[in-house]
Amino acid sequence: MSVMQTKDELHLWKRWKETRDQTAADILVRKYTPLVHFHVQRILVSLPKNVLKDDLISQGLFGLFDALDKFDISKDIKFDTYASFRIRGSIIDYLRKEDWLSRSSREKTKKLEAVIEQLEQKHMRSVSTKEISEALSVSEDEVYSAINESFFANVLSIDELANDSDGETDQKGYIIRDQREKNPEDQFLEKEKISDLISVISSEMNDREKIILDLFYREELTFTEIASILDITTSRVSQIHSRSLLKLRNTLKSIDKS
């Protein structure tokens, strides 16, 4: 059975599922708690310092408990894959409901986006973090931090409840509209956008930027782990990651305008 690594773990799952044995549940929770810390660390790197790590861990544990309760051991799926979905979902729901981005952070993000747009219109090209920092009279580190916050805020907003065409806004929860039935125009635009992003990654990003994006998004390593692999500081990884996001952001923006 692919979801079980050992007979002992399979026995624990059967005890939990068949008799609700709390001892078995406690052992499984302890075994998979590092998964919570892993996802908390990944999410935390994009959040302002006013968000407490312990709060995210608590929410991640709620997601783990939910996964433990609902996981079907008869399905051919690994528990850590299923639990990761529940853990991240629990943390993101919490961040969205608690309005994690402070007023000052929101203002900083809006100001950042406005300045970037002004500089791009002025120079008719993508701008560097140095130019942005000089225009805002802040350090480049602050610009990198703001870019990360803005990026994660946009990720959170993807499945926020939106007003529908009938004006119904009193629904509870958060939804993502079914995009499986795409018309030919949507399909073409999506392929074009993906193609342009691939082109940016291939031609405009250096090897280190490509490696960091690959390790962070595909291999799902933390900034600390990436820093150890590349023998650079975690702060430097964050800077390179933010710079890469800025390039991708500019590409997406130009695509949307075209």
Protein backbone atom coordinates (compact mmCIF):
# COMPACT_ATOMS: atom_id res chain seq x y z
CA MET A 1 0.00 0.00 0.00
CA SER A 2 1.73 3.16 -1.21
CA VAL A 3 0.45 5.52 1.48
CA MET A 4 2.06 3.55 4.28
CA GLN A 5 5.79 3.46 4.80
CA THR A 6 5.77 0.80 7.51
CA LYS A 7 3.51 -1.90 8.89
CA ASP A 8 3.61 -0.14 12.25
CA GLU A 9 2.20 3.04 10.74
CA LEU A 10 -0.50 1.06 8.93
CA HIS A 11 -1.44 -0.48 12.26
CA LEU A 12 -1.67 2.99 13.84
CA TRP A 13 -3.97 4.18 11.06
CA LYS A 14 -6.25 1.16 11.46
CA ARG A 15 -6.44 1.68 15.22
CA TRP A 16 -7.33 5.34 14.71
CA LYS A 17 -9.85 4.79 11.90
CA GLU A 18 -11.55 1.74 13.35
CA THR A 19 -11.60 2.51 17.08
CA ARG A 20 -10.65 6.19 17.33
CA ASP A 21 -7.71 5.20 19.50
CA GLN A 22 -6.38 8.52 20.84
CA THR A 23 -2.94 7.09 21.54
CA ALA A 24 -2.59 6.12 17.89
CA ALA A 25 -3.81 9.57 16.86
CA ASP A 26 -1.27 11.28 19.13
CA ILE A 27 1.57 9.25 17.62
CA LEU A 28 0.47 10.13 14.08
CA VAL A 29 0.16 13.81 14.96
CA ARG A 30 3.67 13.87 16.41
CA LYS A 31 4.99 12.10 13.33
CA TYR A 32 3.50 14.68 10.95
CA THR A 33 3.87 17.85 13.03
CA PRO A 34 7.16 18.69 11.22
CA LEU A 35 5.00 19.03 8.10
CA VAL A 36 3.16 21.89 9.81
CA HIS A 37 6.43 23.67 10.64
CA PHE A 38 7.61 23.20 7.06
CA HIS A 39 4.55 24.90 5.54
CA VAL A 40 4.50 27.62 8.20
CA GLN A 41 8.10 28.50 7.39
CA ARG A 42 7.37 28.63 3.66
CA ILE A 43 4.38 30.94 4.15
CA LEU A 44 6.03 33.06 6.84
CA VAL A 45 8.84 34.28 4.58
CA SER A 46 6.32 36.33 2.59
CA LEU A 47 4.54 37.86 5.57
CA PRO A 48 5.24 41.01 7.60
CA LYS A 49 6.75 40.69 11.06
CA ASN A 50 3.46 41.45 12.80
CA VAL A 51 2.27 37.93 11.92
CA LEU A 52 3.24 35.55 14.72
CA LYS A 53 4.76 32.20 13.83
CA ASP A 54 3.02 30.49 16.78
CA ASP A 55 -0.38 31.59 15.47
CA LEU A 56 0.36 30.02 12.09
CA ILE A 57 1.57 26.82 13.74
CA SER A 58 -1.69 26.60 15.71
CA GLN A 59 -3.71 27.01 12.53
CA GLY A 60 -1.52 24.49 10.73
CA LEU A 61 -2.16 21.97 13.49
CA PHE A 62 -5.90 22.48 13.07
CA GLY A 63 -5.39 21.58 9.41
CA LEU A 64 -3.38 18.51 10.40
CA PHE A 65 -6.11 17.36 12.82
CA ASP A 66 -8.69 17.85 10.09
CA ALA A 67 -6.61 15.82 7.66
CA LEU A 68 -6.16 13.07 10.25
CA ASP A 69 -9.93 12.91 10.75
CA LYS A 70 -10.90 12.89 7.06
CA PHE A 71 -8.08 10.92 5.46
CA ASP A 72 -9.18 7.73 3.70
CA ILE A 73 -6.50 5.08 4.10
CA SER A 74 -8.03 3.02 1.28
CA LYS A 75 -7.18 5.68 -1.30
CA ASP A 76 -3.92 5.56 -3.21
CA ILE A 77 -2.61 8.87 -1.96
CA LYS A 78 0.12 9.75 0.50
CA PHE A 79 -1.04 11.28 3.75
CA ASP A 80 1.61 13.99 3.68
CA THR A 81 0.28 15.14 0.29
CA TYR A 82 -3.30 15.23 1.57
CA ALA A 83 -2.30 16.81 4.88
CA SER A 84 -0.24 19.51 3.14
CA PHE A 85 -3.37 20.66 1.32
CA ARG A 86 -5.34 20.84 4.58
CA ILE A 87 -2.54 22.53 6.52
CA ARG A 88 -1.93 25.24 3.95
CA GLY A 89 -5.66 25.78 3.51
CA SER A 90 -6.16 26.24 7.24
CA ILE A 91 -3.32 28.76 7.50
CA ILE A 92 -4.42 30.75 4.45
CA ASP A 93 -8.05 30.85 5.64
CA TYR A 94 -6.82 32.22 8.96
CA LEU A 95 -4.66 34.87 7.31
CA ARG A 96 -7.51 35.95 5.09
CA LYS A 97 -10.06 36.18 7.90
CA GLU A 98 -7.68 37.93 10.28
CA ASP A 99 -6.67 40.46 7.62
CA TRP A 100 -2.99 39.72 8.23
CA LEU A 101 -1.75 42.63 6.16
CA SER A 102 -1.64 45.64 8.46
CA ARG A 103 -2.89 49.04 7.32
CA SER A 104 0.67 50.33 7.05
CA SER A 105 1.66 47.28 4.99
CA ARG A 106 -1.29 47.77 2.67
CA GLU A 107 -0.41 51.42 2.22
CA LYS A 108 3.21 50.47 1.57
CA THR A 109 2.15 47.90 -1.02
CA LYS A 110 -0.13 50.37 -2.82
CA LYS A 111 2.61 52.99 -2.79
CA LEU A 112 5.11 50.45 -4.13
CA GLU A 113 2.84 49.48 -7.02
CA ALA A 114 2.12 53.13 -7.84
CA VAL A 115 5.81 54.05 -7.87
CA ILE A 116 6.70 51.07 -10.03
CA GLU A 117 4.03 52.07 -12.53
CA GLN A 118 5.22 55.69 -12.57
CA LEU A 119 8.85 54.68 -13.08
CA GLU A 120 7.95 52.26 -15.85
CA GLN A 121 5.95 54.92 -17.65
CA LYS A 122 8.80 57.39 -17.24
CA HIS A 123 11.59 55.09 -18.44
CA MET A 124 9.47 52.88 -20.74
CA ARG A 125 11.10 49.76 -19.36
CA SER A 126 11.17 47.48 -16.34
CA VAL A 127 12.80 49.11 -13.34
CA SER A 128 15.27 47.77 -10.83
CA THR A 129 14.81 47.47 -7.08
CA LYS A 130 17.54 50.11 -6.67
CA GLU A 131 15.52 52.62 -8.71
CA ILE A 132 12.40 51.77 -6.72
CA SER A 133 14.21 52.15 -3.39
CA GLU A 134 15.60 55.54 -4.42
CA ALA A 135 12.17 56.76 -5.52
CA LEU A 136 10.64 55.65 -2.23
CA SER A 137 13.63 56.76 -0.11
CA VAL A 138 13.83 53.35 1.53
CA SER A 139 16.37 50.55 1.52
CA GLU A 140 16.37 47.81 -1.10
CA ASP A 141 15.65 45.29 1.67
CA GLU A 142 12.40 47.12 2.41
CA VAL A 143 11.51 46.99 -1.28
CA TYR A 144 12.19 43.24 -1.36
CA SER A 145 10.00 42.76 1.71
CA ALA A 146 7.16 44.80 0.18
CA ILE A 147 7.35 42.80 -3.06
CA ASN A 148 7.07 39.54 -1.12
CA GLU A 149 4.09 40.84 0.85
CA SER A 150 2.38 42.07 -2.30
CA PHE A 151 2.95 38.74 -4.02
CA PHE A 152 1.47 36.73 -1.17
CA ALA A 153 -1.46 39.13 -0.82
CA ASN A 154 -2.25 38.49 -4.48
CA VAL A 155 -2.08 34.74 -3.87
CA LEU A 156 -4.57 35.04 -1.02
CA SER A 157 -6.92 37.13 -3.12
CA ILE A 158 -7.24 34.47 -5.83
CA ASP A 159 -10.04 32.59 -4.09
CA GLU A 160 -11.64 35.35 -2.09
CA LEU A 161 -15.38 35.57 -2.47
CA ALA A 162 -16.13 37.94 -5.33
CA ASN A 163 -19.35 39.71 -6.25
CA ASP A 164 -21.11 37.71 -8.93
CA SER A 165 -23.11 39.05 -11.81
CA ASP A 166 -26.34 38.79 -9.84
CA GLY A 167 -24.95 40.96 -7.08
CA GLU A 168 -25.12 38.20 -4.47
CA THR A 169 -22.53 38.98 -1.84
CA ASP A 170 -23.92 37.24 1.23
CA GLN A 171 -22.49 33.79 0.56
CA LYS A 172 -20.28 32.30 3.23
CA GLY A 173 -16.77 31.03 2.66
CA TYR A 174 -14.44 31.40 -0.25
CA ILE A 175 -14.80 30.08 -3.75
CA ILE A 176 -12.86 29.73 -6.95
CA ARG A 177 -14.98 29.75 -10.07
CA ASP A 178 -14.81 26.61 -12.21
CA GLN A 179 -12.38 27.39 -14.99
CA ARG A 180 -12.46 23.97 -16.66
CA GLU A 181 -14.83 25.14 -19.38
CA LYS A 182 -12.60 27.74 -21.00
CA ASN A 183 -13.47 29.30 -24.29
CA PRO A 184 -10.89 29.27 -27.12
CA GLU A 185 -9.87 32.86 -26.43
CA ASP A 186 -9.16 32.13 -22.76
CA GLN A 187 -7.16 29.06 -23.70
CA PHE A 188 -5.10 31.03 -26.20
CA LEU A 189 -4.40 33.87 -23.75
CA GLU A 190 -3.41 31.44 -21.01
CA LYS A 191 -1.00 29.59 -23.28
CA GLU A 192 0.44 32.92 -24.43
CA LYS A 193 0.93 34.08 -20.84
CA ILE A 194 2.64 30.83 -19.84
CA SER A 195 4.83 31.02 -22.93
CA ASP A 196 5.87 34.59 -22.09
CA LEU A 197 6.67 33.65 -18.50
CA ILE A 198 8.77 30.72 -19.65
CA SER A 199 10.55 33.06 -22.02
CA VAL A 200 11.29 35.50 -19.18
CA ILE A 201 12.62 32.75 -16.95
CA SER A 202 14.78 31.37 -19.78
CA SER A 203 16.16 34.60 -21.21
CA GLU A 204 16.02 37.32 -18.56
CA MET A 205 16.86 35.44 -15.38
CA ASN A 206 20.34 34.35 -14.46
CA ASP A 207 21.20 30.83 -13.34
CA ARG A 208 20.92 31.63 -9.64
CA GLU A 209 17.45 33.15 -10.06
CA LYS A 210 16.31 30.09 -12.01
CA ILE A 211 17.68 27.74 -9.36
CA ILE A 212 16.01 29.60 -6.50
CA LEU A 213 12.62 29.67 -8.25
CA ASP A 214 12.94 25.97 -9.01
CA LEU A 215 13.95 25.01 -5.47
CA PHE A 216 11.30 27.19 -3.84
CA TYR A 217 8.28 26.47 -6.06
CA ARG A 218 8.96 23.02 -7.51
CA GLU A 219 11.09 21.37 -4.83
CA GLU A 220 9.29 23.31 -2.07
CA LEU A 221 12.40 24.10 -0.06
CA THR A 222 12.50 26.94 2.46
CA PHE A 223 14.72 30.01 2.03
CA THR A 224 16.97 28.67 4.79
CA GLU A 225 17.38 25.33 3.01
CA ILE A 226 18.07 27.05 -0.31
CA ALA A 227 20.63 29.31 1.35
CA SER A 228 22.43 26.26 2.72
CA ILE A 229 22.50 24.61 -0.72
CA LEU A 230 23.79 27.72 -2.50
CA ASP A 231 26.10 28.72 0.37
CA ILE A 232 24.62 32.22 0.64
CA THR A 233 22.63 33.99 3.35
CA THR A 234 18.88 33.54 3.78
CA SER A 235 18.52 37.30 3.29
CA ARG A 236 20.27 37.02 -0.07
CA VAL A 237 17.92 34.24 -1.16
CA SER A 238 14.97 36.44 -0.22
CA GLN A 239 16.40 39.32 -2.25
CA ILE A 240 16.95 37.19 -5.34
CA HIS A 241 13.49 35.66 -4.99
CA SER A 242 11.89 39.12 -4.75
CA ARG A 243 13.87 40.36 -7.74
CA SER A 244 12.63 37.37 -9.75
CA LEU A 245 9.03 38.06 -8.72
CA LEU A 246 9.44 41.65 -9.86
CA LYS A 247 10.53 40.46 -13.31
CA LEU A 248 7.59 38.07 -13.52
CA ARG A 249 5.23 40.75 -12.27
CA ASN A 250 6.36 43.14 -14.98
CA THR A 251 5.86 40.44 -17.60
CA LEU A 252 2.34 39.62 -16.43
CA LYS A 253 1.51 43.32 -16.33
CA SER A 254 2.67 43.85 -19.90
CA ILE A 255 0.70 40.80 -21.05
CA ASP A 256 -2.49 42.03 -19.37
CA LYS A 257 -2.14 45.43 -21.06
CA SER A 258 -1.59 43.95 -24.50
